[in-house]
C-alpha atoms as a PDB file:
ATOM      1  CA  MET A   1      -0.105  -0.089  -0.055  1.00  0.00           C
ATOM      2  CA  ASP A   2       1.129   3.367  -0.912  1.00  0.00           C
ATOM      3  CA  LEU A   3      -0.356   6.626   0.224  1.00  0.00           C
ATOM      4  CA  HIS A   4       0.699  10.209   0.202  1.00  0.00           C
ATOM      5  CA  ALA A   5      -0.734  12.690   2.608  1.00  0.00           C
ATOM      6  CA  GLU A   6      -0.716  16.141   3.424  1.00  0.00           C
ATOM      7  CA  ALA A   7      -2.241  18.840   5.633  1.00  0.00           C
ATOM      8  CA  PHE A   8      -3.389  22.001   5.227  1.00  0.00           C
ATOM      9  CA  TRP A   9      -4.835  24.476   8.082  1.00  0.00           C
ATOM     10  CA  LEU A  10      -5.302  28.061   9.179  1.00  0.00           C
ATOM     11  CA  PRO A  11      -6.552  29.582  12.370  1.00  0.00           C
ATOM     12  CA  LYS A  12      -9.368  32.318  12.342  1.00  0.00           C
ATOM     13  CA  SER A  13      -8.806  35.563  10.469  1.00  0.00           C
ATOM     14  CA  GLY A  14      -7.570  38.008  13.002  1.00  0.00           C
ATOM     15  CA  SER A  15      -5.995  35.024  15.335  1.00  0.00           C
ATOM     16  CA  SER A  16      -2.801  33.777  15.891  1.00  0.00           C
ATOM     17  CA  GLU A  17      -1.555  30.462  15.123  1.00  0.00           C
ATOM     18  CA  MET A  18      -1.451  29.659  18.877  1.00  0.00           C
ATOM     19  CA  GLU A  19      -5.360  30.655  18.837  1.00  0.00           C
ATOM     20  CA  TYR A  20      -5.449  27.668  16.370  1.00  0.00           C
ATOM     21  CA  GLU A  21      -7.841  24.958  18.396  1.00  0.00           C
ATOM     22  CA  ASP A  22      -8.125  22.472  15.354  1.00  0.00           C
ATOM     23  CA  ALA A  23      -5.845  19.569  15.130  1.00  0.00           C
ATOM     24  CA  PHE A  24      -4.585  16.958  12.949  1.00  0.00           C
ATOM     25  CA  GLY A  25      -2.371  14.005  12.987  1.00  0.00           C
ATOM     26  CA  PRO A  26      -0.121  12.610  12.296  1.00  0.00           C
ATOM     27  CA  PRO A  27       1.462  16.223  12.795  1.00  0.00           C
ATOM     28  CA  ASN A  28       4.045  15.582  10.453  1.00  0.00           C
ATOM     29  CA  LEU A  29       2.075  16.156   7.783  1.00  0.00           C
ATOM     30  CA  LYS A  30       2.668  19.701   7.739  1.00  0.00           C
ATOM     31  CA  ALA A  31       4.823  18.649   4.972  1.00  0.00           C
ATOM     32  CA  PRO A  32       4.085  15.758   2.300  1.00  0.00           C
ATOM     33  CA  GLN A  33       4.511  12.615   3.537  1.00  0.00           C
ATOM     34  CA  GLU A  34       4.395   9.076   1.602  1.00  0.00           C
ATOM     35  CA  PHE A  35       3.011   6.016   3.934  1.00  0.00           C
ATOM     36  CA  LYS A  36       3.809   2.533   2.812  1.00  0.00           C
ATOM     37  CA  GLY A  37       2.906  -0.651   4.541  1.00  0.00           C
ATOM     38  CA  ASP A  38      -0.237  -2.405   5.809  1.00  0.00           C
ATOM     39  CA  LYS A  39      -2.185  -0.083   7.477  1.00  0.00           C
ATOM     40  CA  ALA A  40      -2.016   4.099   8.175  1.00  0.00           C
ATOM     41  CA  ARG A  41      -4.647   6.271  10.521  1.00  0.00           C
ATOM     42  CA  PHE A  42      -5.297   9.684   9.786  1.00  0.00           C
ATOM     43  CA  ALA A  43      -7.704  12.128  11.987  1.00  0.00           C
ATOM     44  CA  VAL A  44      -8.721  15.886  12.447  1.00  0.00           C
ATOM     45  CA  ALA A  45     -10.364  17.462  15.384  1.00  0.00           C
ATOM     46  CA  ASP A  46     -12.396  20.622  15.877  1.00  0.00           C
ATOM     47  CA  GLY A  47     -11.691  21.952  19.500  1.00  0.00           C
ATOM     48  CA  ALA A  48     -14.930  24.217  20.972  1.00  0.00           C
ATOM     49  CA  THR A  49     -13.860  28.026  21.008  1.00  0.00           C
ATOM     50  CA  GLU A  50     -16.975  28.559  23.901  1.00  0.00           C
ATOM     51  CA  ALA A  51     -15.095  26.406  26.382  1.00  0.00           C
ATOM     52  CA  SER A  52     -11.784  26.372  27.565  1.00  0.00           C
ATOM     53  CA  PHE A  53      -8.625  24.176  26.804  1.00  0.00           C
ATOM     54  CA  SER A  54     -10.083  22.569  23.696  1.00  0.00           C
ATOM     55  CA  ARG A  55      -7.235  22.875  21.493  1.00  0.00           C
ATOM     56  CA  GLN A  56      -5.109  20.528  24.294  1.00  0.00           C
ATOM     57  CA  TRP A  57      -8.269  18.258  24.179  1.00  0.00           C
ATOM     58  CA  ALA A  58      -8.371  17.952  20.088  1.00  0.00           C
ATOM     59  CA  VAL A  59      -4.585  17.304  20.100  1.00  0.00           C
ATOM     60  CA  GLN A  60      -5.374  14.427  22.507  1.00  0.00           C
ATOM     61  CA  LEU A  61      -7.937  12.863  20.447  1.00  0.00           C
ATOM     62  CA  VAL A  62      -6.363  12.896  17.258  1.00  0.00           C
ATOM     63  CA  ARG A  63      -2.948  11.956  18.649  1.00  0.00           C
ATOM     64  CA  GLY A  64      -4.883   9.385  20.688  1.00  0.00           C
ATOM     65  CA  PHE A  65      -6.303   8.164  17.289  1.00  0.00           C
ATOM     66  CA  VAL A  66      -3.146   7.834  15.402  1.00  0.00           C
ATOM     67  CA  GLN A  67      -1.239   6.401  17.482  1.00  0.00           C
ATOM     68  CA  GLU A  68      -3.640   3.393  18.222  1.00  0.00           C
ATOM     69  CA  ARG A  69      -4.586   4.583  21.321  1.00  0.00           C
ATOM     70  CA  ILE A  70      -8.055   4.753  20.721  1.00  0.00           C
ATOM     71  CA  GLY A  71     -10.368   2.118  18.612  1.00  0.00           C
ATOM     72  CA  LEU A  72     -12.464   2.805  16.083  1.00  0.00           C
ATOM     73  CA  GLN A  73     -15.297   2.046  18.592  1.00  0.00           C
ATOM     74  CA  LEU A  74     -14.014   4.446  20.214  1.00  0.00           C
ATOM     75  CA  THR A  75     -15.442   3.531  24.308  1.00  0.00           C
ATOM     76  CA  PRO A  76     -15.279   4.976  27.249  1.00  0.00           C
ATOM     77  CA  GLU A  77     -11.991   2.702  28.136  1.00  0.00           C
ATOM     78  CA  ASP A  78     -10.625   4.389  25.397  1.00  0.00           C
ATOM     79  CA  LEU A  79     -10.770   7.920  26.200  1.00  0.00           C
ATOM     80  CA  LYS A  80     -10.220   7.635  30.417  1.00  0.00           C
ATOM     81  CA  PRO A  81      -6.475   7.950  29.469  1.00  0.00           C
ATOM     82  CA  LEU A  82      -7.028  10.725  27.251  1.00  0.00           C
ATOM     83  CA  GLN A  83      -9.403  12.315  29.692  1.00  0.00           C
ATOM     84  CA  GLU A  84      -6.863  12.143  32.353  1.00  0.00           C
ATOM     85  CA  LYS A  85      -3.601  13.351  30.416  1.00  0.00           C
ATOM     86  CA  TRP A  86      -6.026  16.382  29.754  1.00  0.00           C
ATOM     87  CA  GLU A  87      -7.001  17.207  33.143  1.00  0.00           C
ATOM     88  CA  LYS A  88      -3.333  16.667  34.582  1.00  0.00           C
ATOM     89  CA  ASN A  89      -2.028  19.146  31.578  1.00  0.00           C
ATOM     90  CA  VAL A  90      -4.258  21.786  31.992  1.00  0.00           C
ATOM     91  CA  ARG A  91      -3.421  21.917  35.976  1.00  0.00           C
ATOM     92  CA  ARG A  92      -0.001  22.012  35.634  1.00  0.00           C
ATOM     93  CA  ARG A  93       0.029  25.841  37.042  1.00  0.00           C
ATOM     94  CA  PRO A  94      -2.259  27.078  39.553  1.00  0.00           C
ATOM     95  CA  LEU A  95      -5.220  28.707  37.607  1.00  0.00           C
ATOM     96  CA  PRO A  96      -7.590  31.654  38.655  1.00  0.00           C
ATOM     97  CA  TRP A  97     -11.115  30.709  39.838  1.00  0.00           C
ATOM     98  CA  TYR A  98     -12.748  31.559  36.600  1.00  0.00           C
ATOM     99  CA  ALA A  99     -10.463  29.144  34.598  1.00  0.00           C
ATOM    100  CA  GLU A 100     -10.912  26.686  37.588  1.00  0.00           C
ATOM    101  CA  GLU A 101     -14.857  26.597  36.742  1.00  0.00           C
ATOM    102  CA  LYS A 102     -14.079  26.327  33.103  1.00  0.00           C
ATOM    103  CA  VAL A 103     -12.140  23.670  33.226  1.00  0.00           C
ATOM    104  CA  GLU A 104     -14.699  21.987  35.825  1.00  0.00           C
ATOM    105  CA  LYS A 105     -17.330  22.139  33.008  1.00  0.00           C
ATOM    106  CA  GLY A 106     -14.578  20.444  30.700  1.00  0.00           C
ATOM    107  CA  ALA A 107     -13.424  20.667  26.831  1.00  0.00           C
ATOM    108  CA  PHE A 108     -15.209  20.077  23.872  1.00  0.00           C
ATOM    109  CA  SER A 109     -14.188  18.997  20.270  1.00  0.00           C
ATOM    110  CA  SER A 110     -15.291  17.099  17.394  1.00  0.00           C
ATOM    111  CA  LEU A 111     -13.008  13.811  16.097  1.00  0.00           C
ATOM    112  CA  LEU A 112     -13.208  12.538  12.683  1.00  0.00           C
ATOM    113  CA  GLY A 113     -10.668   9.434  12.407  1.00  0.00           C
ATOM    114  CA  LEU A 114     -10.059   7.368   9.136  1.00  0.00           C
ATOM    115  CA  GLU A 115      -7.774   3.669   9.137  1.00  0.00           C
ATOM    116  CA  ILE A 116      -6.674   2.671   5.622  1.00  0.00           C
ATOM    117  CA  VAL A 117      -5.672  -0.697   5.530  1.00  0.00           C
ATOM    118  CA  LYS A 118      -4.013  -3.705   3.004  1.00  0.00           C
ATOM    119  CA  VAL A 119      -6.685  -6.450   3.414  1.00  0.00           C
ATOM    120  CA  GLN A 120      -5.652  -9.946   2.170  1.00  0.00           C
ATOM    121  CA  GLY A 121      -8.210 -11.905   0.600  1.00  0.00           C
ATOM    122  CA  GLY A 122      -9.058 -14.992  -1.527  1.00  0.00           C
ATOM    123  CA  ALA A 123      -8.647 -12.836  -4.682  1.00  0.00           C
ATOM    124  CA  GLY A 124      -5.773 -11.082  -3.351  1.00  0.00           C
ATOM    125  CA  ALA A 125      -5.068  -7.959  -1.368  1.00  0.00           C
ATOM    126  CA  ARG A 126      -7.405  -5.032  -1.580  1.00  0.00           C
ATOM    127  CA  VAL A 127      -7.793  -1.475   0.275  1.00  0.00           C
ATOM    128  CA  GLY A 128     -10.269  -1.128   2.470  1.00  0.00           C
ATOM    129  CA  TRP A 129     -11.016   1.860   5.027  1.00  0.00           C
ATOM    130  CA  ARG A 130     -12.814   2.247   8.386  1.00  0.00           C
ATOM    131  CA  ALA A 131     -13.619   5.758  10.409  1.00  0.00           C
ATOM    132  CA  VAL A 132     -14.909   7.017  13.533  1.00  0.00           C
ATOM    133  CA  ALA A 133     -16.759  10.238  13.821  1.00  0.00           C
ATOM    134  CA  VAL A 134     -17.985  12.621  16.463  1.00  0.00           C
ATOM    135  CA  GLY A 135     -19.215  15.715  15.274  1.00  0.00           C
ATOM    136  CA  ASP A 136     -19.122  17.697  11.926  1.00  0.00           C
ATOM    137  CA  SER A 137     -15.755  17.144  10.728  1.00  0.00           C
ATOM    138  CA  CYS A 138     -16.171  15.377   7.280  1.00  0.00           C
ATOM    139  CA  LEU A 139     -15.285  12.264   5.170  1.00  0.00           C
ATOM    140  CA  PHE A 140     -15.425  12.831   1.366  1.00  0.00           C
ATOM    141  CA  GLN A 141     -13.916  10.096  -0.795  1.00  0.00           C
ATOM    142  CA  ILE A 142     -13.268  10.854  -4.808  1.00  0.00           C
ATOM    143  CA  ASP A 143     -12.906   7.852  -7.121  1.00  0.00           C
ATOM    144  CA  ARG A 144     -12.945   8.798 -10.547  1.00  0.00           C
ATOM    145  CA  GLY A 145     -13.687  12.227 -10.530  1.00  0.00           C
ATOM    146  CA  LYS A 146     -17.135  11.279  -8.335  1.00  0.00           C
ATOM    147  CA  ILE A 147     -18.154  11.728  -5.003  1.00  0.00           C
ATOM    148  CA  VAL A 148     -18.591   8.263  -3.522  1.00  0.00           C
ATOM    149  CA  VAL A 149     -18.747   8.895   0.060  1.00  0.00           C
ATOM    150  CA  ALA A 150     -19.822  11.874   1.790  1.00  0.00           C
ATOM    151  CA  TRP A 151     -20.099  11.455   5.639  1.00  0.00           C
ATOM    152  CA  PRO A 152     -21.097  11.872   8.426  1.00  0.00           C
ATOM    153  CA  LEU A 153     -22.900  14.686   6.909  1.00  0.00           C
ATOM    154  CA  GLY A 154     -24.001  14.367   3.302  1.00  0.00           C
ATOM    155  CA  ALA A 155     -25.692  17.943   3.172  1.00  0.00           C
ATOM    156  CA  SER A 156     -24.826  21.599   3.530  1.00  0.00           C
ATOM    157  CA  SER A 157     -28.336  21.992   5.317  1.00  0.00           C
ATOM    158  CA  GLU A 158     -27.115  19.598   7.981  1.00  0.00           C
ATOM    159  CA  PHE A 159     -24.596  21.980   9.543  1.00  0.00           C
ATOM    160  CA  GLY A 160     -25.958  23.780  12.635  1.00  0.00           C
ATOM    161  CA  ASN A 161     -24.995  25.524  15.537  1.00  0.00           C
ATOM    162  CA  SER A 162     -25.034  22.459  18.038  1.00  0.00           C
ATOM    163  CA  PRO A 163     -23.020  19.185  16.739  1.00  0.00           C
ATOM    164  CA  SER A 164     -22.236  16.089  19.162  1.00  0.00           C
ATOM    165  CA  LEU A 165     -18.866  16.818  20.718  1.00  0.00           C
ATOM    166  CA  LEU A 166     -16.800  14.494  22.819  1.00  0.00           C
ATOM    167  CA  CYS A 167     -15.948  16.110  26.290  1.00  0.00           C
ATOM    168  CA  SER A 168     -12.785  15.966  28.136  1.00  0.00           C
ATOM    169  CA  LYS A 169     -15.081  15.135  31.018  1.00  0.00           C
ATOM    170  CA  ALA A 170     -16.286  11.489  30.830  1.00  0.00           C
ATOM    171  CA  ALA A 171     -19.785  12.416  32.978  1.00  0.00           C
ATOM    172  CA  SER A 172     -20.448  14.580  30.131  1.00  0.00           C
ATOM    173  CA  ASN A 173     -20.765  12.105  27.301  1.00  0.00           C
ATOM    174  CA  GLY A 174     -22.981   9.825  28.998  1.00  0.00           C
ATOM    175  CA  ALA A 175     -22.955   6.179  30.038  1.00  0.00           C
ATOM    176  CA  GLY A 176     -21.062   4.416  27.397  1.00  0.00           C
ATOM    177  CA  LEU A 177     -20.899   7.712  25.326  1.00  0.00           C
ATOM    178  CA  ALA A 178     -24.571   7.749  24.346  1.00  0.00           C
ATOM    179  CA  GLY A 179     -24.813  11.300  24.403  1.00  0.00           C
ATOM    180  CA  ALA A 180     -21.819  11.854  22.188  1.00  0.00           C
ATOM    181  CA  GLY A 181     -22.996  10.479  18.721  1.00  0.00           C
ATOM    182  CA  VAL A 182     -20.153   8.050  17.981  1.00  0.00           C
ATOM    183  CA  GLN A 183     -20.527   7.066  14.436  1.00  0.00           C
ATOM    184  CA  ASN A 184     -18.904   4.395  11.899  1.00  0.00           C
ATOM    185  CA  ALA A 185     -18.334   3.833   8.494  1.00  0.00           C
ATOM    186  CA  GLU A 186     -16.102   1.508   6.289  1.00  0.00           C
ATOM    187  CA  GLY A 187     -15.548   0.973   2.634  1.00  0.00           C
ATOM    188  CA  SER A 188     -12.862   0.057   0.172  1.00  0.00           C
ATOM    189  CA  CYS A 189     -10.919   1.686  -2.627  1.00  0.00           C
ATOM    190  CA  GLN A 190      -8.321   1.720  -4.944  1.00  0.00           C
ATOM    191  CA  GLN A 191      -5.474   3.268  -6.854  1.00  0.00           C
ATOM    192  CA  ASP A 192      -5.934   7.007  -7.370  1.00  0.00           C
ATOM    193  CA  THR A 193      -9.093   7.251  -4.834  1.00  0.00           C
ATOM    194  CA  ALA A 194      -8.434  10.305  -2.707  1.00  0.00           C
ATOM    195  CA  PHE A 195      -9.633  10.876   0.760  1.00  0.00           C
ATOM    196  CA  TYR A 196     -10.409  14.500   2.164  1.00  0.00           C
ATOM    197  CA  LEU A 197     -10.540  15.152   6.042  1.00  0.00           C
ATOM    198  CA  MET A 198     -12.245  18.711   6.670  1.00  0.00           C
ATOM    199  CA  THR A 199     -13.361  20.169   9.763  1.00  0.00           C
ATOM    200  CA  ASP A 200     -16.820  22.038   9.620  1.00  0.00           C
ATOM    201  CA  ALA A 201     -16.272  25.368   7.577  1.00  0.00           C
ATOM    202  CA  LEU A 202     -14.512  23.884   4.577  1.00  0.00           C
ATOM    203  CA  SER A 203     -17.001  20.714   4.779  1.00  0.00           C
ATOM    204  CA  CYS A 204     -20.056  22.826   4.786  1.00  0.00           C
ATOM    205  CA  TRP A 205     -18.451  25.139   1.399  1.00  0.00           C
ATOM    206  CA  PHE A 206     -17.372  21.846  -0.110  1.00  0.00           C
ATOM    207  CA  LEU A 207     -20.692  20.409   0.243  1.00  0.00           C
ATOM    208  CA  ARG A 208     -22.444  23.733  -0.789  1.00  0.00           C
ATOM    209  CA  GLU A 209     -20.021  24.066  -3.969  1.00  0.00           C
ATOM    210  CA  HIS A 210     -20.787  20.163  -5.159  1.00  0.00           C
ATOM    211  CA  GLU A 211     -24.827  20.783  -4.479  1.00  0.00           C
ATOM    212  CA  ARG A 212     -24.578  23.595  -6.908  1.00  0.00           C
ATOM    213  CA  GLY A 213     -22.991  21.279  -9.625  1.00  0.00           C
ATOM    214  CA  ALA A 214     -19.252  22.310  -9.203  1.00  0.00           C
ATOM    215  CA  GLU A 215     -16.637  19.993  -8.363  1.00  0.00           C
ATOM    216  CA  PRO A 216     -14.299  21.740  -5.458  1.00  0.00           C
ATOM    217  CA  TRP A 217     -12.356  18.616  -4.811  1.00  0.00           C
ATOM    218  CA  HIS A 218     -10.279  19.375  -8.320  1.00  0.00           C
ATOM    219  CA  ILE A 219      -9.176  22.971  -6.405  1.00  0.00           C
ATOM    220  CA  LEU A 220      -8.578  20.896  -3.178  1.00  0.00           C
ATOM    221  CA  ALA A 221      -6.387  18.195  -5.272  1.00  0.00           C
ATOM    222  CA  ASP A 222      -4.397  21.408  -7.000  1.00  0.00           C
ATOM    223  CA  LEU A 223      -3.027  22.526  -3.468  1.00  0.00           C
ATOM    224  CA  GLY A 224       0.572  22.682  -2.856  1.00  0.00           C
ATOM    225  CA  THR A 225       1.438  21.768  -6.275  1.00  0.00           C
ATOM    226  CA  GLU A 226       3.350  24.180  -8.661  1.00  0.00           C
ATOM    227  CA  GLY A 227       1.438  27.273 -10.131  1.00  0.00           C
ATOM    228  CA  ALA A 228      -1.939  26.692  -8.040  1.00  0.00           C
ATOM    229  CA  GLN A 229      -3.643  28.647  -5.788  1.00  0.00           C
ATOM    230  CA  SER A 230      -2.155  28.500  -1.829  1.00  0.00           C
ATOM    231  CA  PHE A 231      -4.713  27.631   0.288  1.00  0.00           C
ATOM    232  CA  SER A 232      -4.188  30.441   2.481  1.00  0.00           C
ATOM    233  CA  ASP A 233      -5.478  32.646  -0.524  1.00  0.00           C
ATOM    234  CA  LEU A 234      -8.162  30.270  -1.016  1.00  0.00           C
ATOM    235  CA  VAL A 235      -9.726  30.672   2.099  1.00  0.00           C
ATOM    236  CA  ALA A 236      -9.190  34.317   2.570  1.00  0.00           C
ATOM    237  CA  GLY A 237     -11.348  34.525  -0.789  1.00  0.00           C
ATOM    238  CA  LEU A 238     -13.916  32.315   0.394  1.00  0.00           C
ATOM    239  CA  ARG A 239     -13.963  34.182   3.570  1.00  0.00           C
ATOM    240  CA  SER A 240     -13.985  37.551   2.297  1.00  0.00           C
ATOM    241  CA  ARG A 241     -16.961  36.322  -0.241  1.00  0.00           C
ATOM    242  CA  GLY A 242     -19.341  35.144   2.451  1.00  0.00           C
ATOM    243  CA  GLU A 243     -18.738  31.473   1.457  1.00  0.00           C
ATOM    244  CA  MET A 244     -17.146  30.450   4.575  1.00  0.00           C
ATOM    245  CA  LYS A 245     -17.384  31.169   8.179  1.00  0.00           C
ATOM    246  CA  ASN A 246     -14.753  32.630   9.666  1.00  0.00           C
ATOM    247  CA  ASP A 247     -13.768  29.870  11.755  1.00  0.00           C
ATOM    248  CA  ASP A 248     -10.405  27.224  11.814  1.00  0.00           C
ATOM    249  CA  VAL A 249     -10.258  25.654   8.907  1.00  0.00           C
ATOM    250  CA  THR A 250      -8.334  22.229   8.357  1.00  0.00           C
ATOM    251  CA  LEU A 251      -8.061  20.014   5.559  1.00  0.00           C
ATOM    252  CA  LEU A 252      -6.207  16.292   5.458  1.00  0.00           C
ATOM    253  CA  ARG A 253      -5.612  15.147   1.687  1.00  0.00           C
ATOM    254  CA  VAL A 254      -4.979  11.554   1.329  1.00  0.00           C
ATOM    255  CA  GLU A 255      -4.039  10.216  -1.891  1.00  0.00           C
ATOM    256  CA  VAL A 256      -4.054   6.408  -2.644  1.00  0.00           C
ATOM    257  CA  LEU A 257      -1.181   5.864  -5.182  1.00  0.00           C
ATOM    258  CA  GLY A 258      -1.234   1.922  -5.105  1.00  0.00           C
END
């Protein structure tokens, strides 16, 4: 199995990189990377701005997934060590009373994790994928110039202001994560398949463009290539025209080369 992957990301307009509250993994995707072997994992997460220390929680989630400390079924037992680590990290220094109150409420984040695997079968090896999602970060699979998967949301009208999110406090996720809205999906892919993992602002734009008959994956496929529009210019243009809300933006592009 031969994969090529790269991450593109930007904070909100007017915010610094230190204020970026999304996360992606593996972290080395800030530069293009090749992956060979029988398995590879990728993830994006979108920390909720309204809560404190959400960036740290989003980072914990993506690291946990790509390092296989989180399974695809996303059990409370998976999350417990990450929640304990988050708690320890945010309490390293004494906090003012108002920050303590926010820590007690916990941090919140979406999570989208994708695992691509080489599967041995009677007809020989094939490449399959499995994914887990909580919230409105989306996965798109493009084969032969067409969308074959748009998940877990499939229409721009499905985005709202209250997506399901994972909390760094176990009690807020409900018994057995019943309140977290964990979803799973799986499928197969072929050579030249492209996967796009996106946080909500870019996902909503992508689906809206598709709904009006455009093929926005061609724009994203060219990112990082010579002579192509940069990701920062693309996002700045969309924001200035009101085609994308001003939010942190994250994209992972994963291409199956063979």
